[in-house]
Amino acid sequence: MRLVAIDLDETLLNDAWQISEGNIKAIRRAVAKGVMVTLATGRMAVSARKYASQLGLDVPIITCNGALIEHSLSREIICHKVIPSGLAMKIIQHLQSKEVYTQVFIKDEVFTNKWNQYSKAYEEMTGIKVQETDVLQILHTEPEGAEKILCISGEDYLQTATAELRQIYADRLHFTRSKPIFLDMIDKEVNKGSALRALAANFGILPEEIIAIGDNFNDREMLMFAGIGVAMGNAHQELKEIADYITASNKEDGVAKVFEKFVL
């Protein structure tokens, strides 16, 4: 195996959003052997970089569910696909009319119209400040667009919202879930699988030489692309059903066990 792509939350990270010593040691041993290890997360780049730095990874990392592939040290952009500002503004206006809490991710910043308990929880999880502002005005002045739009609400409501949004934007957006109360919207061509394919091609690595490890719906495409798709012991059942292998949970150094079995 030449490349291992690892999700962060509920996969590499324990429930305190930390990397265990067991996982750190296993990853560093693999890197010392010449195996490329990268992160593939729904988080924005600024939130993922600190974990890449802790692991000593000098590689491109996949962030915002694949919307941005950026080198962890030089910050050189390998791939960048956004939701155009005009489309993002229409989506935000629709969500505002439904009073759905929404965050917009632009480069290394995250914005919301009204800071609340969801904002606080997101800040505690990621260490990134959620800025309360007029999101439409921010998008109006941003020439490129947004890497990701995130809705946070009750799981039942998000199922209804997803169905409604798909009817309107199915040809423009890709919808995925990284947590039961998260609904991620990204460009229609973006997912972790397509990002992993682009990254592997950049280094001349074949799918059968790749391991992908994850726990939720937003990891589905990369597990299906990789030669060995691994679901965590705490993964959603639907992900376990498509995985080639199921490891221990994120509380039990499940990632380290994958390295021990397939790499080390």
C-alpha atoms as a PDB file:
ATOM      1  CA  MET A   1       0.000   0.000   0.000  1.00  0.00           C
ATOM      2  CA  ARG A   2       1.341   3.395  -1.020  1.00  0.00           C
ATOM      3  CA  LEU A   3      -1.338   5.808   0.223  1.00  0.00           C
ATOM      4  CA  VAL A   4      -3.637   5.884   3.271  1.00  0.00           C
ATOM      5  CA  ALA A   5      -6.409   8.518   3.471  1.00  0.00           C
ATOM      6  CA  ILE A   6      -7.953   9.030   6.904  1.00  0.00           C
ATOM      7  CA  ASP A   7     -11.069  10.922   7.972  1.00  0.00           C
ATOM      8  CA  LEU A   8     -10.747  13.047  11.121  1.00  0.00           C
ATOM      9  CA  ASP A   9     -13.884  13.231  13.298  1.00  0.00           C
ATOM     10  CA  GLU A  10     -14.999   9.897  14.787  1.00  0.00           C
ATOM     11  CA  THR A  11     -12.173   8.204  12.850  1.00  0.00           C
ATOM     12  CA  LEU A  12      -8.648   9.425  13.553  1.00  0.00           C
ATOM     13  CA  LEU A  13      -9.820  11.639  16.420  1.00  0.00           C
ATOM     14  CA  ASN A  14     -11.202  10.316  19.690  1.00  0.00           C
ATOM     15  CA  ASP A  15     -14.272  11.833  21.322  1.00  0.00           C
ATOM     16  CA  ALA A  16     -12.118  14.634  22.790  1.00  0.00           C
ATOM     17  CA  TRP A  17     -11.049  15.574  19.206  1.00  0.00           C
ATOM     18  CA  GLN A  18      -7.505  14.374  19.853  1.00  0.00           C
ATOM     19  CA  ILE A  19      -5.205  11.880  18.123  1.00  0.00           C
ATOM     20  CA  SER A  20      -4.241   9.039  20.446  1.00  0.00           C
ATOM     21  CA  GLU A  21      -0.599   8.099  21.005  1.00  0.00           C
ATOM     22  CA  GLY A  22      -1.277   4.711  19.427  1.00  0.00           C
ATOM     23  CA  ASN A  23      -2.537   6.298  16.223  1.00  0.00           C
ATOM     24  CA  ILE A  24       0.332   8.803  16.127  1.00  0.00           C
ATOM     25  CA  LYS A  25       2.969   6.091  16.490  1.00  0.00           C
ATOM     26  CA  ALA A  26       1.419   3.865  13.826  1.00  0.00           C
ATOM     27  CA  ILE A  27       1.161   6.716  11.311  1.00  0.00           C
ATOM     28  CA  ARG A  28       4.710   7.910  11.925  1.00  0.00           C
ATOM     29  CA  ARG A  29       6.037   4.365  11.455  1.00  0.00           C
ATOM     30  CA  ALA A  30       4.186   4.087   8.142  1.00  0.00           C
ATOM     31  CA  VAL A  31       5.506   7.449   6.937  1.00  0.00           C
ATOM     32  CA  ALA A  32       9.043   6.361   7.890  1.00  0.00           C
ATOM     33  CA  LYS A  33       8.545   3.325   5.635  1.00  0.00           C
ATOM     34  CA  GLY A  34       7.719   5.609   2.707  1.00  0.00           C
ATOM     35  CA  VAL A  35       3.921   5.269   2.803  1.00  0.00           C
ATOM     36  CA  MET A  36       2.042   8.472   1.996  1.00  0.00           C
ATOM     37  CA  VAL A  37      -0.533   9.305   4.676  1.00  0.00           C
ATOM     38  CA  THR A  38      -3.078  12.084   4.161  1.00  0.00           C
ATOM     39  CA  LEU A  39      -6.163  13.454   5.868  1.00  0.00           C
ATOM     40  CA  ALA A  40      -9.565  13.559   4.143  1.00  0.00           C
ATOM     41  CA  THR A  41     -12.038  15.609   6.128  1.00  0.00           C
ATOM     42  CA  GLY A  42     -15.181  17.696   5.913  1.00  0.00           C
ATOM     43  CA  ARG A  43     -13.397  20.312   8.005  1.00  0.00           C
ATOM     44  CA  MET A  44     -11.862  23.414   6.443  1.00  0.00           C
ATOM     45  CA  ALA A  45      -8.130  23.508   5.800  1.00  0.00           C
ATOM     46  CA  VAL A  46      -7.254  25.762   8.756  1.00  0.00           C
ATOM     47  CA  SER A  47      -8.826  23.223  11.119  1.00  0.00           C
ATOM     48  CA  ALA A  48      -7.132  20.211   9.530  1.00  0.00           C
ATOM     49  CA  ARG A  49      -3.631  21.694   9.324  1.00  0.00           C
ATOM     50  CA  LYS A  50      -2.987  21.431  13.059  1.00  0.00           C
ATOM     51  CA  TYR A  51      -3.520  17.672  12.953  1.00  0.00           C
ATOM     52  CA  ALA A  52      -1.320  17.299   9.878  1.00  0.00           C
ATOM     53  CA  SER A  53       1.361  19.284  11.706  1.00  0.00           C
ATOM     54  CA  GLN A  54       1.029  17.118  14.818  1.00  0.00           C
ATOM     55  CA  LEU A  55       1.583  14.016  12.691  1.00  0.00           C
ATOM     56  CA  GLY A  56       4.452  15.597  10.764  1.00  0.00           C
ATOM     57  CA  LEU A  57       2.689  15.151   7.419  1.00  0.00           C
ATOM     58  CA  ASP A  58       4.353  16.952   4.520  1.00  0.00           C
ATOM     59  CA  VAL A  59       1.657  16.154   1.935  1.00  0.00           C
ATOM     60  CA  PRO A  60      -1.489  17.588   0.321  1.00  0.00           C
ATOM     61  CA  ILE A  61      -4.593  17.109   2.479  1.00  0.00           C
ATOM     62  CA  ILE A  62      -8.239  16.825   1.403  1.00  0.00           C
ATOM     63  CA  THR A  63     -10.521  19.354   3.117  1.00  0.00           C
ATOM     64  CA  CYS A  64     -14.151  20.555   2.910  1.00  0.00           C
ATOM     65  CA  ASN A  65     -15.123  17.064   1.694  1.00  0.00           C
ATOM     66  CA  GLY A  66     -12.848  17.441  -1.321  1.00  0.00           C
ATOM     67  CA  ALA A  67     -13.582  21.029  -2.341  1.00  0.00           C
ATOM     68  CA  LEU A  68      -9.994  21.987  -1.491  1.00  0.00           C
ATOM     69  CA  ILE A  69      -6.839  19.882  -1.734  1.00  0.00           C
ATOM     70  CA  GLU A  70      -4.016  21.898  -0.247  1.00  0.00           C
ATOM     71  CA  HIS A  71      -0.456  21.081   0.729  1.00  0.00           C
ATOM     72  CA  SER A  72      -0.286  20.913   4.508  1.00  0.00           C
ATOM     73  CA  LEU A  73       2.931  22.950   4.768  1.00  0.00           C
ATOM     74  CA  SER A  74       3.355  25.158   1.710  1.00  0.00           C
ATOM     75  CA  ARG A  75      -0.436  25.621   1.323  1.00  0.00           C
ATOM     76  CA  GLU A  76      -0.008  25.099  -2.412  1.00  0.00           C
ATOM     77  CA  ILE A  77      -3.456  24.424  -3.865  1.00  0.00           C
ATOM     78  CA  ILE A  78      -3.705  21.161  -5.808  1.00  0.00           C
ATOM     79  CA  CYS A  79      -7.442  21.318  -6.522  1.00  0.00           C
ATOM     80  CA  HIS A  80     -10.126  23.880  -5.642  1.00  0.00           C
ATOM     81  CA  LYS A  81     -13.824  23.722  -6.567  1.00  0.00           C
ATOM     82  CA  VAL A  82     -16.391  26.078  -5.065  1.00  0.00           C
ATOM     83  CA  ILE A  83     -20.109  26.778  -5.122  1.00  0.00           C
ATOM     84  CA  PRO A  84     -20.305  29.965  -7.251  1.00  0.00           C
ATOM     85  CA  SER A  85     -21.275  33.053  -5.264  1.00  0.00           C
ATOM     86  CA  GLY A  86     -24.533  33.603  -7.171  1.00  0.00           C
ATOM     87  CA  LEU A  87     -25.716  30.056  -6.526  1.00  0.00           C
ATOM     88  CA  ALA A  88     -24.556  30.185  -2.895  1.00  0.00           C
ATOM     89  CA  MET A  89     -26.593  33.364  -2.356  1.00  0.00           C
ATOM     90  CA  LYS A  90     -29.756  31.695  -3.718  1.00  0.00           C
ATOM     91  CA  ILE A  91     -29.234  28.721  -1.399  1.00  0.00           C
ATOM     92  CA  ILE A  92     -28.694  30.964   1.627  1.00  0.00           C
ATOM     93  CA  GLN A  93     -31.832  32.975   0.829  1.00  0.00           C
ATOM     94  CA  HIS A  94     -33.830  29.737   0.574  1.00  0.00           C
ATOM     95  CA  LEU A  95     -32.467  28.477   3.902  1.00  0.00           C
ATOM     96  CA  GLN A  96     -33.086  31.836   5.582  1.00  0.00           C
ATOM     97  CA  SER A  97     -36.734  31.642   4.534  1.00  0.00           C
ATOM     98  CA  LYS A  98     -36.908  28.258   6.310  1.00  0.00           C
ATOM     99  CA  GLU A  99     -35.046  29.585   9.368  1.00  0.00           C
ATOM    100  CA  VAL A 100     -32.417  26.839   9.111  1.00  0.00           C
ATOM    101  CA  TYR A 101     -29.118  27.487  10.902  1.00  0.00           C
ATOM    102  CA  THR A 102     -26.449  27.729   8.204  1.00  0.00           C
ATOM    103  CA  GLN A 103     -22.677  28.194   8.024  1.00  0.00           C
ATOM    104  CA  VAL A 104     -20.763  29.239   4.923  1.00  0.00           C
ATOM    105  CA  PHE A 105     -17.115  28.277   4.452  1.00  0.00           C
ATOM    106  CA  ILE A 106     -14.913  30.635   2.437  1.00  0.00           C
ATOM    107  CA  LYS A 107     -11.163  29.985   2.401  1.00  0.00           C
ATOM    108  CA  ASP A 108     -10.063  29.869   6.045  1.00  0.00           C
ATOM    109  CA  GLU A 109     -13.155  31.532   7.495  1.00  0.00           C
ATOM    110  CA  VAL A 110     -16.652  30.417   8.475  1.00  0.00           C
ATOM    111  CA  PHE A 111     -19.655  32.746   8.611  1.00  0.00           C
ATOM    112  CA  THR A 112     -23.228  32.618   9.888  1.00  0.00           C
ATOM    113  CA  ASN A 113     -26.072  35.133  10.029  1.00  0.00           C
ATOM    114  CA  LYS A 114     -26.900  34.432  13.665  1.00  0.00           C
ATOM    115  CA  TRP A 115     -24.454  32.977  16.203  1.00  0.00           C
ATOM    116  CA  ASN A 116     -26.149  30.414  18.503  1.00  0.00           C
ATOM    117  CA  GLN A 117     -25.565  27.160  20.388  1.00  0.00           C
ATOM    118  CA  TYR A 118     -24.692  25.367  17.150  1.00  0.00           C
ATOM    119  CA  SER A 119     -22.008  27.975  16.512  1.00  0.00           C
ATOM    120  CA  LYS A 120     -20.605  27.437  19.991  1.00  0.00           C
ATOM    121  CA  ALA A 121     -20.529  23.655  19.591  1.00  0.00           C
ATOM    122  CA  TYR A 122     -18.792  23.966  16.214  1.00  0.00           C
ATOM    123  CA  GLU A 123     -16.167  26.297  17.686  1.00  0.00           C
ATOM    124  CA  GLU A 124     -15.500  23.862  20.536  1.00  0.00           C
ATOM    125  CA  MET A 125     -15.103  20.966  18.106  1.00  0.00           C
ATOM    126  CA  THR A 126     -12.887  22.685  15.545  1.00  0.00           C
ATOM    127  CA  GLY A 127     -11.196  25.538  17.382  1.00  0.00           C
ATOM    128  CA  ILE A 128     -12.355  27.885  14.600  1.00  0.00           C
ATOM    129  CA  LYS A 129     -14.325  31.049  15.356  1.00  0.00           C
ATOM    130  CA  VAL A 130     -17.724  31.265  13.655  1.00  0.00           C
ATOM    131  CA  GLN A 131     -18.216  34.870  12.579  1.00  0.00           C
ATOM    132  CA  GLU A 132     -21.676  36.437  12.868  1.00  0.00           C
ATOM    133  CA  THR A 133     -22.257  38.685   9.858  1.00  0.00           C
ATOM    134  CA  ASP A 134     -24.440  39.328   6.827  1.00  0.00           C
ATOM    135  CA  VAL A 135     -23.574  36.195   4.869  1.00  0.00           C
ATOM    136  CA  LEU A 136     -25.206  37.448   1.671  1.00  0.00           C
ATOM    137  CA  GLN A 137     -23.022  40.550   1.763  1.00  0.00           C
ATOM    138  CA  ILE A 138     -19.904  38.418   2.258  1.00  0.00           C
ATOM    139  CA  LEU A 139     -20.851  36.290  -0.750  1.00  0.00           C
ATOM    140  CA  HIS A 140     -21.618  39.382  -2.788  1.00  0.00           C
ATOM    141  CA  THR A 141     -18.074  40.641  -2.279  1.00  0.00           C
ATOM    142  CA  GLU A 142     -16.402  37.221  -2.701  1.00  0.00           C
ATOM    143  CA  PRO A 143     -15.567  36.722  -6.402  1.00  0.00           C
ATOM    144  CA  GLU A 144     -15.065  32.945  -6.352  1.00  0.00           C
ATOM    145  CA  GLY A 145     -17.671  31.476  -4.040  1.00  0.00           C
ATOM    146  CA  ALA A 146     -17.849  29.135  -1.053  1.00  0.00           C
ATOM    147  CA  GLU A 147     -16.135  25.804  -0.561  1.00  0.00           C
ATOM    148  CA  LYS A 148     -19.066  24.488   1.463  1.00  0.00           C
ATOM    149  CA  ILE A 149     -22.454  25.370   2.920  1.00  0.00           C
ATOM    150  CA  LEU A 150     -23.380  23.552   6.127  1.00  0.00           C
ATOM    151  CA  CYS A 151     -26.830  23.251   7.711  1.00  0.00           C
ATOM    152  CA  ILE A 152     -27.106  22.116  11.323  1.00  0.00           C
ATOM    153  CA  SER A 153     -30.459  21.006  12.703  1.00  0.00           C
ATOM    154  CA  GLY A 154     -32.360  18.031  14.065  1.00  0.00           C
ATOM    155  CA  GLU A 155     -31.887  14.825  12.082  1.00  0.00           C
ATOM    156  CA  ASP A 156     -35.569  14.464  11.145  1.00  0.00           C
ATOM    157  CA  TYR A 157     -35.779  18.010   9.863  1.00  0.00           C
ATOM    158  CA  LEU A 158     -32.568  17.660   7.841  1.00  0.00           C
ATOM    159  CA  GLN A 159     -34.002  14.651   6.014  1.00  0.00           C
ATOM    160  CA  THR A 160     -36.944  16.789   4.927  1.00  0.00           C
ATOM    161  CA  ALA A 161     -34.687  19.726   4.047  1.00  0.00           C
ATOM    162  CA  THR A 162     -32.374  17.497   2.021  1.00  0.00           C
ATOM    163  CA  ALA A 163     -35.233  16.143  -0.070  1.00  0.00           C
ATOM    164  CA  GLU A 164     -36.497  19.654  -0.702  1.00  0.00           C
ATOM    165  CA  LEU A 165     -33.064  21.013  -1.640  1.00  0.00           C
ATOM    166  CA  ARG A 166     -32.347  18.057  -3.921  1.00  0.00           C
ATOM    167  CA  GLN A 167     -35.467  18.851  -5.930  1.00  0.00           C
ATOM    168  CA  ILE A 168     -34.162  22.353  -6.580  1.00  0.00           C
ATOM    169  CA  TYR A 169     -30.393  21.895  -6.797  1.00  0.00           C
ATOM    170  CA  ALA A 170     -29.722  18.248  -7.684  1.00  0.00           C
ATOM    171  CA  ASP A 171     -27.944  19.263 -10.891  1.00  0.00           C
ATOM    172  CA  ARG A 172     -25.752  21.853  -9.144  1.00  0.00           C
ATOM    173  CA  LEU A 173     -24.846  20.437  -5.733  1.00  0.00           C
ATOM    174  CA  HIS A 174     -23.597  17.302  -4.009  1.00  0.00           C
ATOM    175  CA  PHE A 175     -25.299  16.592  -0.666  1.00  0.00           C
ATOM    176  CA  THR A 176     -23.694  14.544   2.084  1.00  0.00           C
ATOM    177  CA  ARG A 177     -23.720  14.035   5.865  1.00  0.00           C
ATOM    178  CA  SER A 178     -20.720  13.976   8.204  1.00  0.00           C
ATOM    179  CA  LYS A 179     -22.793  13.887  11.413  1.00  0.00           C
ATOM    180  CA  PRO A 180     -26.460  13.091  12.077  1.00  0.00           C
ATOM    181  CA  ILE A 181     -27.280  16.795  12.496  1.00  0.00           C
ATOM    182  CA  PHE A 182     -25.000  18.075   9.675  1.00  0.00           C
ATOM    183  CA  LEU A 183     -26.014  18.537   6.042  1.00  0.00           C
ATOM    184  CA  ASP A 184     -23.063  19.458   3.818  1.00  0.00           C
ATOM    185  CA  MET A 185     -23.564  21.055   0.394  1.00  0.00           C
ATOM    186  CA  ILE A 186     -20.654  21.256  -2.038  1.00  0.00           C
ATOM    187  CA  ASP A 187     -20.129  21.519  -5.786  1.00  0.00           C
ATOM    188  CA  LYS A 188     -21.794  18.652  -7.667  1.00  0.00           C
ATOM    189  CA  GLU A 189     -18.422  17.249  -8.796  1.00  0.00           C
ATOM    190  CA  VAL A 190     -16.932  17.301  -5.297  1.00  0.00           C
ATOM    191  CA  ASN A 191     -16.661  14.395  -2.865  1.00  0.00           C
ATOM    192  CA  LYS A 192     -13.844  12.698  -0.989  1.00  0.00           C
ATOM    193  CA  GLY A 193     -13.663   9.952  -3.609  1.00  0.00           C
ATOM    194  CA  SER A 194     -13.089  12.310  -6.538  1.00  0.00           C
ATOM    195  CA  ALA A 195     -10.565  14.260  -4.461  1.00  0.00           C
ATOM    196  CA  LEU A 196      -8.703  11.071  -3.551  1.00  0.00           C
ATOM    197  CA  ARG A 197      -8.682  10.064  -7.226  1.00  0.00           C
ATOM    198  CA  ALA A 198      -7.158  13.428  -8.200  1.00  0.00           C
ATOM    199  CA  LEU A 199      -4.564  13.242  -5.419  1.00  0.00           C
ATOM    200  CA  ALA A 200      -3.566   9.679  -6.324  1.00  0.00           C
ATOM    201  CA  ALA A 201      -3.240  10.557 -10.012  1.00  0.00           C
ATOM    202  CA  ASN A 202      -0.976  13.463  -9.077  1.00  0.00           C
ATOM    203  CA  PHE A 203       1.453  10.987  -7.492  1.00  0.00           C
ATOM    204  CA  GLY A 204       0.963   8.095  -9.917  1.00  0.00           C
ATOM    205  CA  ILE A 205      -0.732   5.901  -7.305  1.00  0.00           C
ATOM    206  CA  LEU A 206      -3.268   3.260  -8.365  1.00  0.00           C
ATOM    207  CA  PRO A 207      -6.587   2.667  -6.541  1.00  0.00           C
ATOM    208  CA  GLU A 208      -5.465  -0.822  -5.483  1.00  0.00           C
ATOM    209  CA  GLU A 209      -2.519   0.789  -3.668  1.00  0.00           C
ATOM    210  CA  ILE A 210      -4.804   2.929  -1.486  1.00  0.00           C
ATOM    211  CA  ILE A 211      -6.485   2.442   1.885  1.00  0.00           C
ATOM    212  CA  ALA A 212      -9.303   4.818   2.898  1.00  0.00           C
ATOM    213  CA  ILE A 213     -10.652   4.921   6.461  1.00  0.00           C
ATOM    214  CA  GLY A 214     -13.873   6.618   7.557  1.00  0.00           C
ATOM    215  CA  ASP A 215     -17.060   6.484   9.593  1.00  0.00           C
ATOM    216  CA  ASN A 216     -19.920   8.347   7.891  1.00  0.00           C
ATOM    217  CA  PHE A 217     -21.799   9.098   4.662  1.00  0.00           C
ATOM    218  CA  ASN A 218     -19.278  11.685   3.449  1.00  0.00           C
ATOM    219  CA  ASP A 219     -16.619   8.925   3.439  1.00  0.00           C
ATOM    220  CA  ARG A 220     -18.628   6.621   1.169  1.00  0.00           C
ATOM    221  CA  GLU A 221     -17.111   7.638  -2.169  1.00  0.00           C
ATOM    222  CA  MET A 222     -13.505   7.390  -0.990  1.00  0.00           C
ATOM    223  CA  LEU A 223     -14.058   3.960   0.570  1.00  0.00           C
ATOM    224  CA  MET A 224     -15.537   2.763  -2.720  1.00  0.00           C
ATOM    225  CA  PHE A 225     -12.620   4.222  -4.720  1.00  0.00           C
ATOM    226  CA  ALA A 226      -9.814   2.818  -2.575  1.00  0.00           C
ATOM    227  CA  GLY A 227      -8.461  -0.693  -2.996  1.00  0.00           C
ATOM    228  CA  ILE A 228      -9.215  -1.291   0.675  1.00  0.00           C
ATOM    229  CA  GLY A 229     -12.118   0.689   2.132  1.00  0.00           C
ATOM    230  CA  VAL A 230     -12.181   0.533   5.931  1.00  0.00           C
ATOM    231  CA  ALA A 231     -15.113   1.447   8.164  1.00  0.00           C
ATOM    232  CA  MET A 232     -14.578   2.243  11.818  1.00  0.00           C
ATOM    233  CA  GLY A 233     -16.223   0.096  14.471  1.00  0.00           C
ATOM    234  CA  ASN A 234     -18.342   3.142  15.345  1.00  0.00           C
ATOM    235  CA  ALA A 235     -19.208   3.838  11.679  1.00  0.00           C
ATOM    236  CA  HIS A 236     -22.718   4.215  10.330  1.00  0.00           C
ATOM    237  CA  GLN A 237     -24.146   0.819   9.385  1.00  0.00           C
ATOM    238  CA  GLU A 238     -24.528   1.784   5.716  1.00  0.00           C
ATOM    239  CA  LEU A 239     -20.796   2.500   5.512  1.00  0.00           C
ATOM    240  CA  LYS A 240     -19.955  -0.829   7.144  1.00  0.00           C
ATOM    241  CA  GLU A 241     -22.017  -2.581   4.486  1.00  0.00           C
ATOM    242  CA  ILE A 242     -19.861  -1.254   1.635  1.00  0.00           C
ATOM    243  CA  ALA A 243     -16.507  -1.532   3.449  1.00  0.00           C
ATOM    244  CA  ASP A 244     -13.885  -4.181   2.681  1.00  0.00           C
ATOM    245  CA  TYR A 245     -12.836  -4.287   6.316  1.00  0.00           C
ATOM    246  CA  ILE A 246     -14.202  -3.083   9.665  1.00  0.00           C
ATOM    247  CA  THR A 247     -11.713  -2.023  12.315  1.00  0.00           C
ATOM    248  CA  ALA A 248     -12.100  -1.075  15.986  1.00  0.00           C
ATOM    249  CA  SER A 249     -13.759   2.177  17.045  1.00  0.00           C
ATOM    250  CA  ASN A 250     -12.174   5.624  17.310  1.00  0.00           C
ATOM    251  CA  LYS A 251     -11.965   5.055  21.078  1.00  0.00           C
ATOM    252  CA  GLU A 252      -9.926   1.872  20.569  1.00  0.00           C
ATOM    253  CA  ASP A 253      -7.184   3.045  18.172  1.00  0.00           C
ATOM    254  CA  GLY A 254      -9.060   1.634  15.204  1.00  0.00           C
ATOM    255  CA  VAL A 255      -6.835   3.564  12.772  1.00  0.00           C
ATOM    256  CA  ALA A 256      -3.640   2.161  14.305  1.00  0.00           C
ATOM    257  CA  LYS A 257      -5.032  -1.349  13.942  1.00  0.00           C
ATOM    258  CA  VAL A 258      -5.546  -0.772  10.204  1.00  0.00           C
ATOM    259  CA  PHE A 259      -1.913   0.264   9.825  1.00  0.00           C
ATOM    260  CA  GLU A 260      -0.730  -2.732  11.813  1.00  0.00           C
ATOM    261  CA  LYS A 261      -2.747  -5.141   9.659  1.00  0.00           C
ATOM    262  CA  PHE A 262      -2.267  -3.729   6.154  1.00  0.00           C
ATOM    263  CA  VAL A 263       0.831  -1.490   6.237  1.00  0.00           C
ATOM    264  CA  LEU A 264       3.258  -2.302   9.028  1.00  0.00           C
END
